[in-house]
Amino acid sequence: RVRSGDTQVVVNCQLLTEGWDMPEISCCVLARPTKSSG
């Protein structure tokens, strides 16, 4: 639904940081601090 545009915002915790590619995403919201630059 995110890819099709039916859902505009997907919110996640510890899931979409690696192995997920969706070029249509053009905004990233960092709602969490981290000491890890990686």
PDB file of all heavy atoms in Angstrom:
ATOM      1  N   ARG A   1       0.831  -1.212   0.000  1.00  0.00           N
ATOM      2  CA  ARG A   1       0.000   0.000   0.000  1.00  0.00           C
ATOM      3  C   ARG A   1       0.868   1.265   0.000  1.00  0.00           C
ATOM      4  O   ARG A   1       0.495   2.286  -0.589  1.00  0.00           O
ATOM      5  CB  ARG A   1      -0.944  -0.014   1.204  1.00  0.00           C
ATOM      6  CG  ARG A   1      -2.067  -1.041   1.081  1.00  0.00           C
ATOM      7  CD  ARG A   1      -3.139  -0.847   2.145  1.00  0.00           C
ATOM      8  NE  ARG A   1      -2.700  -1.224   3.468  1.00  0.00           N
ATOM      9  CZ  ARG A   1      -2.792  -2.459   3.972  1.00  0.00           C
ATOM     10  NH1 ARG A   1      -3.285  -3.443   3.218  1.00  0.00           N
ATOM     11  NH2 ARG A   1      -2.397  -2.715   5.208  1.00  0.00           N
ATOM     12  N   VAL A   2       2.036   1.185   0.651  1.00  0.00           N
ATOM     13  CA  VAL A   2       2.951   2.322   0.603  1.00  0.00           C
ATOM     14  C   VAL A   2       3.472   2.503  -0.818  1.00  0.00           C
ATOM     15  O   VAL A   2       3.525   3.622  -1.346  1.00  0.00           O
ATOM     16  CB  VAL A   2       4.122   2.121   1.590  1.00  0.00           C
ATOM     17  CG1 VAL A   2       5.108   3.280   1.488  1.00  0.00           C
ATOM     18  CG2 VAL A   2       3.619   2.006   3.021  1.00  0.00           C
ATOM     19  N   ARG A   3       3.840   1.419  -1.458  1.00  0.00           N
ATOM     20  CA  ARG A   3       4.378   1.503  -2.815  1.00  0.00           C
ATOM     21  C   ARG A   3       3.344   2.046  -3.793  1.00  0.00           C
ATOM     22  O   ARG A   3       3.671   2.834  -4.685  1.00  0.00           O
ATOM     23  CB  ARG A   3       4.869   0.126  -3.281  1.00  0.00           C
ATOM     24  CG  ARG A   3       5.598   0.171  -4.629  1.00  0.00           C
ATOM     25  CD  ARG A   3       6.102  -1.208  -5.020  1.00  0.00           C
ATOM     26  NE  ARG A   3       7.128  -1.690  -4.108  1.00  0.00           N
ATOM     27  CZ  ARG A   3       8.413  -1.361  -4.198  1.00  0.00           C
ATOM     28  NH1 ARG A   3       8.813  -0.523  -5.132  1.00  0.00           N
ATOM     29  NH2 ARG A   3       9.276  -1.852  -3.342  1.00  0.00           N
ATOM     30  N   SER A   4       2.097   1.653  -3.621  1.00  0.00           N
ATOM     31  CA  SER A   4       1.046   2.112  -4.532  1.00  0.00           C
ATOM     32  C   SER A   4       0.626   3.550  -4.251  1.00  0.00           C
ATOM     33  O   SER A   4       0.001   4.196  -5.097  1.00  0.00           O
ATOM     34  CB  SER A   4      -0.173   1.197  -4.422  1.00  0.00           C
ATOM     35  OG  SER A   4      -0.816   1.356  -3.160  1.00  0.00           O
ATOM     36  N   GLY A   5       0.944   4.047  -3.049  1.00  0.00           N
ATOM     37  CA  GLY A   5       0.548   5.392  -2.675  1.00  0.00           C
ATOM     38  C   GLY A   5      -0.734   5.449  -1.874  1.00  0.00           C
ATOM     39  O   GLY A   5      -1.131   6.530  -1.426  1.00  0.00           O
ATOM     40  N   ASP A   6      -1.388   4.313  -1.672  1.00  0.00           N
ATOM     41  CA  ASP A   6      -2.595   4.309  -0.837  1.00  0.00           C
ATOM     42  C   ASP A   6      -2.260   4.693   0.603  1.00  0.00           C
ATOM     43  O   ASP A   6      -3.068   5.311   1.296  1.00  0.00           O
ATOM     44  CB  ASP A   6      -3.245   2.916  -0.865  1.00  0.00           C
ATOM     45  CG  ASP A   6      -3.828   2.572  -2.231  1.00  0.00           C
ATOM     46  OD1 ASP A   6      -4.123   3.509  -2.991  1.00  0.00           O
ATOM     47  OD2 ASP A   6      -3.966   1.380  -2.537  1.00  0.00           O
ATOM     48  N   THR A   7      -1.089   4.294   1.059  1.00  0.00           N
ATOM     49  CA  THR A   7      -0.564   4.724   2.355  1.00  0.00           C
ATOM     50  C   THR A   7       0.603   5.655   2.096  1.00  0.00           C
ATOM     51  O   THR A   7       1.532   5.303   1.369  1.00  0.00           O
ATOM     52  CB  THR A   7      -0.096   3.512   3.182  1.00  0.00           C
ATOM     53  OG1 THR A   7      -1.231   2.699   3.503  1.00  0.00           O
ATOM     54  CG2 THR A   7       0.583   3.957   4.474  1.00  0.00           C
ATOM     55  N   GLN A   8       0.556   6.844   2.692  1.00  0.00           N
ATOM     56  CA  GLN A   8       1.601   7.830   2.422  1.00  0.00           C
ATOM     57  C   GLN A   8       2.737   7.768   3.423  1.00  0.00           C
ATOM     58  O   GLN A   8       3.891   8.065   3.081  1.00  0.00           O
ATOM     59  CB  GLN A   8       1.011   9.245   2.423  1.00  0.00           C
ATOM     60  CG  GLN A   8       1.986  10.306   1.929  1.00  0.00           C
ATOM     61  CD  GLN A   8       1.377  11.692   1.828  1.00  0.00           C
ATOM     62  OE1 GLN A   8       0.204  11.879   2.158  1.00  0.00           O
ATOM     63  NE2 GLN A   8       2.157  12.665   1.390  1.00  0.00           N
ATOM     64  N   VAL A   9       2.431   7.379   4.656  1.00  0.00           N
ATOM     65  CA  VAL A   9       3.441   7.373   5.717  1.00  0.00           C
ATOM     66  C   VAL A   9       3.468   6.002   6.373  1.00  0.00           C
ATOM     67  O   VAL A   9       2.431   5.502   6.826  1.00  0.00           O
ATOM     68  CB  VAL A   9       3.147   8.456   6.781  1.00  0.00           C
ATOM     69  CG1 VAL A   9       4.173   8.384   7.908  1.00  0.00           C
ATOM     70  CG2 VAL A   9       3.138   9.843   6.154  1.00  0.00           C
ATOM     71  N   VAL A  10       4.643   5.373   6.418  1.00  0.00           N
ATOM     72  CA  VAL A  10       4.801   4.110   7.133  1.00  0.00           C
ATOM     73  C   VAL A  10       5.738   4.368   8.307  1.00  0.00           C
ATOM     74  O   VAL A  10       6.822   4.918   8.150  1.00  0.00           O
ATOM     75  CB  VAL A  10       5.337   2.990   6.219  1.00  0.00           C
ATOM     76  CG1 VAL A  10       6.689   3.352   5.600  1.00  0.00           C
ATOM     77  CG2 VAL A  10       5.432   1.674   6.984  1.00  0.00           C
ATOM     78  N   VAL A  11       5.282   3.998   9.510  1.00  0.00           N
ATOM     79  CA  VAL A  11       6.046   4.206  10.739  1.00  0.00           C
ATOM     80  C   VAL A  11       6.491   2.851  11.250  1.00  0.00           C
ATOM     81  O   VAL A  11       5.694   1.904  11.294  1.00  0.00           O
ATOM     82  CB  VAL A  11       5.193   4.924  11.814  1.00  0.00           C
ATOM     83  CG1 VAL A  11       6.072   5.382  12.963  1.00  0.00           C
ATOM     84  CG2 VAL A  11       4.428   6.097  11.215  1.00  0.00           C
ATOM     85  N   ASN A  12       7.770   2.729  11.628  1.00  0.00           N
ATOM     86  CA  ASN A  12       8.270   1.423  12.049  1.00  0.00           C
ATOM     87  C   ASN A  12       9.260   1.567  13.191  1.00  0.00           C
ATOM     88  O   ASN A  12       9.769   2.656  13.478  1.00  0.00           O
ATOM     89  CB  ASN A  12       8.916   0.701  10.866  1.00  0.00           C
ATOM     90  CG  ASN A  12      10.329   1.193  10.582  1.00  0.00           C
ATOM     91  OD1 ASN A  12      11.312   0.513  10.872  1.00  0.00           O
ATOM     92  ND2 ASN A  12      10.443   2.401  10.011  1.00  0.00           N
ATOM     93  N   CYS A  13       9.558   0.442  13.792  1.00  0.00           N
ATOM     94  CA  CYS A  13      10.552   0.375  14.862  1.00  0.00           C
ATOM     95  C   CYS A  13      11.496  -0.791  14.568  1.00  0.00           C
ATOM     96  O   CYS A  13      11.055  -1.949  14.537  1.00  0.00           O
ATOM     97  CB  CYS A  13       9.864   0.178  16.204  1.00  0.00           C
ATOM     98  SG  CYS A  13      10.981  -0.267  17.537  1.00  0.00           S
ATOM     99  N   GLN A  14      12.766  -0.476  14.290  1.00  0.00           N
ATOM    100  CA  GLN A  14      13.809  -1.492  14.145  1.00  0.00           C
ATOM    101  C   GLN A  14      13.545  -2.493  13.020  1.00  0.00           C
ATOM    102  O   GLN A  14      13.968  -3.637  13.113  1.00  0.00           O
ATOM    103  CB  GLN A  14      13.972  -2.263  15.465  1.00  0.00           C
ATOM    104  CG  GLN A  14      14.364  -1.425  16.661  1.00  0.00           C
ATOM    105  CD  GLN A  14      15.807  -0.964  16.618  1.00  0.00           C
ATOM    106  OE1 GLN A  14      16.108   0.106  16.129  1.00  0.00           O
ATOM    107  NE2 GLN A  14      16.697  -1.787  17.119  1.00  0.00           N
ATOM    108  N   LEU A  15      12.857  -2.102  11.970  1.00  0.00           N
ATOM    109  CA  LEU A  15      12.496  -3.083  10.948  1.00  0.00           C
ATOM    110  C   LEU A  15      12.977  -2.710   9.554  1.00  0.00           C
ATOM    111  O   LEU A  15      13.477  -3.558   8.821  1.00  0.00           O
ATOM    112  CB  LEU A  15      10.973  -3.276  10.925  1.00  0.00           C
ATOM    113  CG  LEU A  15      10.455  -4.419  10.050  1.00  0.00           C
ATOM    114  CD1 LEU A  15      10.997  -5.751  10.541  1.00  0.00           C
ATOM    115  CD2 LEU A  15       8.930  -4.446  10.042  1.00  0.00           C
ATOM    116  N   LEU A  16      12.844  -1.448   9.157  1.00  0.00           N
ATOM    117  CA  LEU A  16      13.109  -1.048   7.778  1.00  0.00           C
ATOM    118  C   LEU A  16      14.474  -0.398   7.603  1.00  0.00           C
ATOM    119  O   LEU A  16      14.702   0.305   6.616  1.00  0.00           O
ATOM    120  CB  LEU A  16      12.010  -0.087   7.296  1.00  0.00           C
ATOM    121  CG  LEU A  16      10.584  -0.644   7.314  1.00  0.00           C
ATOM    122  CD1 LEU A  16       9.591   0.398   6.830  1.00  0.00           C
ATOM    123  CD2 LEU A  16      10.484  -1.914   6.462  1.00  0.00           C
ATOM    124  N   THR A  17      15.398  -0.651   8.510  1.00  0.00           N
ATOM    125  CA  THR A  17      16.713  -0.021   8.412  1.00  0.00           C
ATOM    126  C   THR A  17      17.611  -0.723   7.414  1.00  0.00           C
ATOM    127  O   THR A  17      18.510  -0.103   6.839  1.00  0.00           O
ATOM    128  CB  THR A  17      17.408  -0.017   9.789  1.00  0.00           C
ATOM    129  OG1 THR A  17      17.447  -1.359  10.297  1.00  0.00           O
ATOM    130  CG2 THR A  17      16.654   0.880  10.756  1.00  0.00           C
ATOM    131  N   GLU A  18      17.426  -2.024   7.193  1.00  0.00           N
ATOM    132  CA  GLU A  18      18.269  -2.799   6.296  1.00  0.00           C
ATOM    133  C   GLU A  18      17.416  -3.691   5.407  1.00  0.00           C
ATOM    134  O   GLU A  18      16.367  -4.179   5.814  1.00  0.00           O
ATOM    135  CB  GLU A  18      19.245  -3.684   7.087  1.00  0.00           C
ATOM    136  CG  GLU A  18      20.201  -2.934   7.977  1.00  0.00           C
ATOM    137  CD  GLU A  18      20.990  -3.861   8.889  1.00  0.00           C
ATOM    138  OE1 GLU A  18      20.545  -5.002   9.105  1.00  0.00           O
ATOM    139  OE2 GLU A  18      22.054  -3.440   9.380  1.00  0.00           O
ATOM    140  N   GLY A  19      17.881  -3.894   4.174  1.00  0.00           N
ATOM    141  CA  GLY A  19      17.240  -4.860   3.297  1.00  0.00           C
ATOM    142  C   GLY A  19      15.901  -4.435   2.742  1.00  0.00           C
ATOM    143  O   GLY A  19      15.161  -5.265   2.207  1.00  0.00           O
ATOM    144  N   TRP A  20      15.557  -3.178   2.870  1.00  0.00           N
ATOM    145  CA  TRP A  20      14.277  -2.680   2.346  1.00  0.00           C
ATOM    146  C   TRP A  20      14.547  -1.517   1.416  1.00  0.00           C
ATOM    147  O   TRP A  20      15.139  -0.514   1.816  1.00  0.00           O
ATOM    148  CB  TRP A  20      13.366  -2.225   3.485  1.00  0.00           C
ATOM    149  CG  TRP A  20      12.076  -1.620   3.009  1.00  0.00           C
ATOM    150  CD1 TRP A  20      11.065  -2.268   2.355  1.00  0.00           C
ATOM    151  CD2 TRP A  20      11.654  -0.257   3.153  1.00  0.00           C
ATOM    152  NE1 TRP A  20      10.036  -1.375   2.077  1.00  0.00           N
ATOM    153  CE2 TRP A  20      10.375  -0.141   2.557  1.00  0.00           C
ATOM    154  CE3 TRP A  20      12.220   0.870   3.731  1.00  0.00           C
ATOM    155  CZ2 TRP A  20       9.668   1.047   2.526  1.00  0.00           C
ATOM    156  CZ3 TRP A  20      11.521   2.065   3.699  1.00  0.00           C
ATOM    157  CH2 TRP A  20      10.256   2.147   3.097  1.00  0.00           C
ATOM    158  N   ASP A  21      14.115  -1.659   0.181  1.00  0.00           N
ATOM    159  CA  ASP A  21      14.342  -0.630  -0.820  1.00  0.00           C
ATOM    160  C   ASP A  21      13.018  -0.249  -1.469  1.00  0.00           C
ATOM    161  O   ASP A  21      12.336  -1.101  -2.050  1.00  0.00           O
ATOM    162  CB  ASP A  21      15.309  -1.120  -1.901  1.00  0.00           C
ATOM    163  CG  ASP A  21      16.674  -1.472  -1.337  1.00  0.00           C
ATOM    164  OD1 ASP A  21      17.138  -0.723  -0.465  1.00  0.00           O
ATOM    165  OD2 ASP A  21      17.256  -2.482  -1.766  1.00  0.00           O
ATOM    166  N   MET A  22      12.658   1.006  -1.359  1.00  0.00           N
ATOM    167  CA  MET A  22      11.470   1.528  -2.024  1.00  0.00           C
ATOM    168  C   MET A  22      11.816   2.924  -2.530  1.00  0.00           C
ATOM    169  O   MET A  22      11.725   3.906  -1.796  1.00  0.00           O
ATOM    170  CB  MET A  22      10.270   1.571  -1.072  1.00  0.00           C
ATOM    171  CG  MET A  22       8.966   1.927  -1.771  1.00  0.00           C
ATOM    172  SD  MET A  22       7.512   1.846  -0.670  1.00  0.00           S
ATOM    173  CE  MET A  22       7.390   0.077  -0.389  1.00  0.00           C
ATOM    174  N   PRO A  23      12.232   3.026  -3.797  1.00  0.00           N
ATOM    175  CA  PRO A  23      12.680   4.316  -4.334  1.00  0.00           C
ATOM    176  C   PRO A  23      11.636   5.415  -4.235  1.00  0.00           C
ATOM    177  O   PRO A  23      11.986   6.606  -4.237  1.00  0.00           O
ATOM    178  CB  PRO A  23      13.007   3.985  -5.789  1.00  0.00           C
ATOM    179  CG  PRO A  23      13.321   2.517  -5.790  1.00  0.00           C
ATOM    180  CD  PRO A  23      12.402   1.930  -4.766  1.00  0.00           C
ATOM    181  N   GLU A  24      10.348   5.051  -4.152  1.00  0.00           N
ATOM    182  CA  GLU A  24       9.301   6.066  -4.083  1.00  0.00           C
ATOM    183  C   GLU A  24       9.359   6.888  -2.796  1.00  0.00           C
ATOM    184  O   GLU A  24       8.788   7.983  -2.724  1.00  0.00           O
ATOM    185  CB  GLU A  24       7.920   5.405  -4.192  1.00  0.00           C
ATOM    186  CG  GLU A  24       7.652   4.743  -5.537  1.00  0.00           C
ATOM    187  CD  GLU A  24       8.205   3.339  -5.642  1.00  0.00           C
ATOM    188  OE1 GLU A  24       8.872   2.869  -4.677  1.00  0.00           O
ATOM    189  OE2 GLU A  24       8.000   2.694  -6.684  1.00  0.00           O
ATOM    190  N   ILE A  25      10.038   6.373  -1.772  1.00  0.00           N
ATOM    191  CA  ILE A  25      10.186   7.113  -0.518  1.00  0.00           C
ATOM    192  C   ILE A  25      11.089   8.323  -0.754  1.00  0.00           C
ATOM    193  O   ILE A  25      12.231   8.179  -1.200  1.00  0.00           O
ATOM    194  CB  ILE A  25      10.794   6.217   0.584  1.00  0.00           C
ATOM    195  CG1 ILE A  25       9.835   5.076   0.931  1.00  0.00           C
ATOM    196  CG2 ILE A  25      11.137   7.043   1.822  1.00  0.00           C
ATOM    197  CD1 ILE A  25       8.562   5.504   1.596  1.00  0.00           C
ATOM    198  N   SER A  26      10.583   9.518  -0.440  1.00  0.00           N
ATOM    199  CA  SER A  26      11.402  10.716  -0.637  1.00  0.00           C
ATOM    200  C   SER A  26      11.499  11.566   0.634  1.00  0.00           C
ATOM    201  O   SER A  26      11.999  12.683   0.585  1.00  0.00           O
ATOM    202  CB  SER A  26      10.854  11.573  -1.784  1.00  0.00           C
ATOM    203  OG  SER A  26       9.546  12.025  -1.501  1.00  0.00           O
ATOM    204  N   CYS A  27      11.015  11.038   1.755  1.00  0.00           N
ATOM    205  CA  CYS A  27      11.175  11.715   3.034  1.00  0.00           C
ATOM    206  C   CYS A  27      11.435  10.680   4.115  1.00  0.00           C
ATOM    207  O   CYS A  27      10.765   9.638   4.168  1.00  0.00           O
ATOM    208  CB  CYS A  27       9.945  12.545   3.389  1.00  0.00           C
ATOM    209  SG  CYS A  27      10.026  13.329   5.029  1.00  0.00           S
ATOM    210  N   CYS A  28      12.412  10.952   4.957  1.00  0.00           N
ATOM    211  CA  CYS A  28      12.741  10.087   6.082  1.00  0.00           C
ATOM    212  C   CYS A  28      12.644  10.907   7.357  1.00  0.00           C
ATOM    213  O   CYS A  28      13.282  11.960   7.471  1.00  0.00           O
ATOM    214  CB  CYS A  28      14.153   9.524   5.910  1.00  0.00           C
ATOM    215  SG  CYS A  28      14.771   8.626   7.342  1.00  0.00           S
ATOM    216  N   VAL A  29      11.838  10.454   8.301  1.00  0.00           N
ATOM    217  CA  VAL A  29      11.684  11.141   9.583  1.00  0.00           C
ATOM    218  C   VAL A  29      12.416  10.338  10.652  1.00  0.00           C
ATOM    219  O   VAL A  29      12.097   9.167  10.888  1.00  0.00           O
ATOM    220  CB  VAL A  29      10.203  11.301   9.968  1.00  0.00           C
ATOM    221  CG1 VAL A  29      10.081  11.983  11.330  1.00  0.00           C
ATOM    222  CG2 VAL A  29       9.450  12.095   8.910  1.00  0.00           C
ATOM    223  N   LEU A  30      13.403  10.960  11.282  1.00  0.00           N
ATOM    224  CA  LEU A  30      14.145  10.324  12.356  1.00  0.00           C
ATOM    225  C   LEU A  30      13.520  10.756  13.675  1.00  0.00           C
ATOM    226  O   LEU A  30      13.809  11.828  14.197  1.00  0.00           O
ATOM    227  CB  LEU A  30      15.615  10.724  12.288  1.00  0.00           C
ATOM    228  CG  LEU A  30      16.304  10.493  10.938  1.00  0.00           C
ATOM    229  CD1 LEU A  30      17.752  10.968  10.993  1.00  0.00           C
ATOM    230  CD2 LEU A  30      16.231   9.029  10.530  1.00  0.00           C
ATOM    231  N   ALA A  31      12.657   9.924  14.203  1.00  0.00           N
ATOM    232  CA  ALA A  31      11.966  10.231  15.455  1.00  0.00           C
ATOM    233  C   ALA A  31      12.667   9.589  16.636  1.00  0.00           C
ATOM    234  O   ALA A  31      12.090   9.489  17.714  1.00  0.00           O
ATOM    235  CB  ALA A  31      10.512   9.752  15.386  1.00  0.00           C
ATOM    236  N   ARG A  32      13.884   9.144  16.434  1.00  0.00           N
ATOM    237  CA  ARG A  32      14.649   8.512  17.495  1.00  0.00           C
ATOM    238  C   ARG A  32      16.103   8.963  17.450  1.00  0.00           C
ATOM    239  O   ARG A  32      16.722   9.025  16.378  1.00  0.00           O
ATOM    240  CB  ARG A  32      14.600   7.003  17.366  1.00  0.00           C
ATOM    241  CG  ARG A  32      15.111   6.434  16.060  1.00  0.00           C
ATOM    242  CD  ARG A  32      15.609   5.016  16.227  1.00  0.00           C
ATOM    243  NE  ARG A  32      16.732   4.952  17.149  1.00  0.00           N
ATOM    244  CZ  ARG A  32      17.215   3.811  17.642  1.00  0.00           C
ATOM    245  NH1 ARG A  32      16.672   2.668  17.300  1.00  0.00           N
ATOM    246  NH2 ARG A  32      18.237   3.824  18.474  1.00  0.00           N
ATOM    247  N   PRO A  33      16.689   9.284  18.590  1.00  0.00           N
ATOM    248  CA  PRO A  33      18.132   9.513  18.646  1.00  0.00           C
ATOM    249  C   PRO A  33      18.864   8.173  18.568  1.00  0.00           C
ATOM    250  O   PRO A  33      18.295   7.118  18.873  1.00  0.00           O
ATOM    251  CB  PRO A  33      18.347  10.170  20.008  1.00  0.00           C
ATOM    252  CG  PRO A  33      16.976  10.550  20.492  1.00  0.00           C
ATOM    253  CD  PRO A  33      16.043   9.575  19.868  1.00  0.00           C
ATOM    254  N   THR A  34      20.116   8.205  18.188  1.00  0.00           N
ATOM    255  CA  THR A  34      20.948   7.009  18.240  1.00  0.00           C
ATOM    256  C   THR A  34      22.402   7.422  18.397  1.00  0.00           C
ATOM    257  O   THR A  34      22.833   8.438  17.835  1.00  0.00           O
ATOM    258  CB  THR A  34      20.792   6.138  16.982  1.00  0.00           C
ATOM    259  OG1 THR A  34      21.681   5.008  17.069  1.00  0.00           O
ATOM    260  CG2 THR A  34      21.096   6.913  15.713  1.00  0.00           C
ATOM    261  N   LYS A  35      23.152   6.668  19.165  1.00  0.00           N
ATOM    262  CA  LYS A  35      24.584   6.888  19.283  1.00  0.00           C
ATOM    263  C   LYS A  35      25.337   6.200  18.150  1.00  0.00           C
ATOM    264  O   LYS A  35      26.545   6.384  17.997  1.00  0.00           O
ATOM    265  CB  LYS A  35      25.103   6.360  20.621  1.00  0.00           C
ATOM    266  CG  LYS A  35      24.520   7.034  21.845  1.00  0.00           C
ATOM    267  CD  LYS A  35      24.912   8.480  21.948  1.00  0.00           C
ATOM    268  CE  LYS A  35      26.361   8.673  22.297  1.00  0.00           C
ATOM    269  NZ  LYS A  35      26.716  10.102  22.493  1.00  0.00           N
ATOM    270  N   SER A  36      24.639   5.398  17.356  1.00  0.00           N
ATOM    271  CA  SER A  36      25.263   4.639  16.280  1.00  0.00           C
ATOM    272  C   SER A  36      25.190   5.423  14.973  1.00  0.00           C
ATOM    273  O   SER A  36      24.106   5.606  14.414  1.00  0.00           O
ATOM    274  CB  SER A  36      24.554   3.282  16.109  1.00  0.00           C
ATOM    275  OG  SER A  36      24.950   2.665  14.893  1.00  0.00           O
ATOM    276  N   SER A  37      26.343   5.864  14.479  1.00  0.00           N
ATOM    277  CA  SER A  37      26.332   6.565  13.192  1.00  0.00           C
ATOM    278  C   SER A  37      25.954   5.612  12.068  1.00  0.00           C
ATOM    279  O   SER A  37      25.370   6.028  11.067  1.00  0.00           O
ATOM    280  CB  SER A  37      27.707   7.194  12.929  1.00  0.00           C
ATOM    281  OG  SER A  37      28.724   6.218  12.923  1.00  0.00           O
ATOM    282  N   GLY A  38      26.264   4.314  12.228  1.00  0.00           N
ATOM    283  CA  GLY A  38      25.859   3.340  11.217  1.00  0.00           C
ATOM    284  C   GLY A  38      24.355   3.257  11.087  1.00  0.00           C
ATOM    285  O   GLY A  38      23.805   3.250   9.972  1.00  0.00           O
TER     286      GLY A  38
END
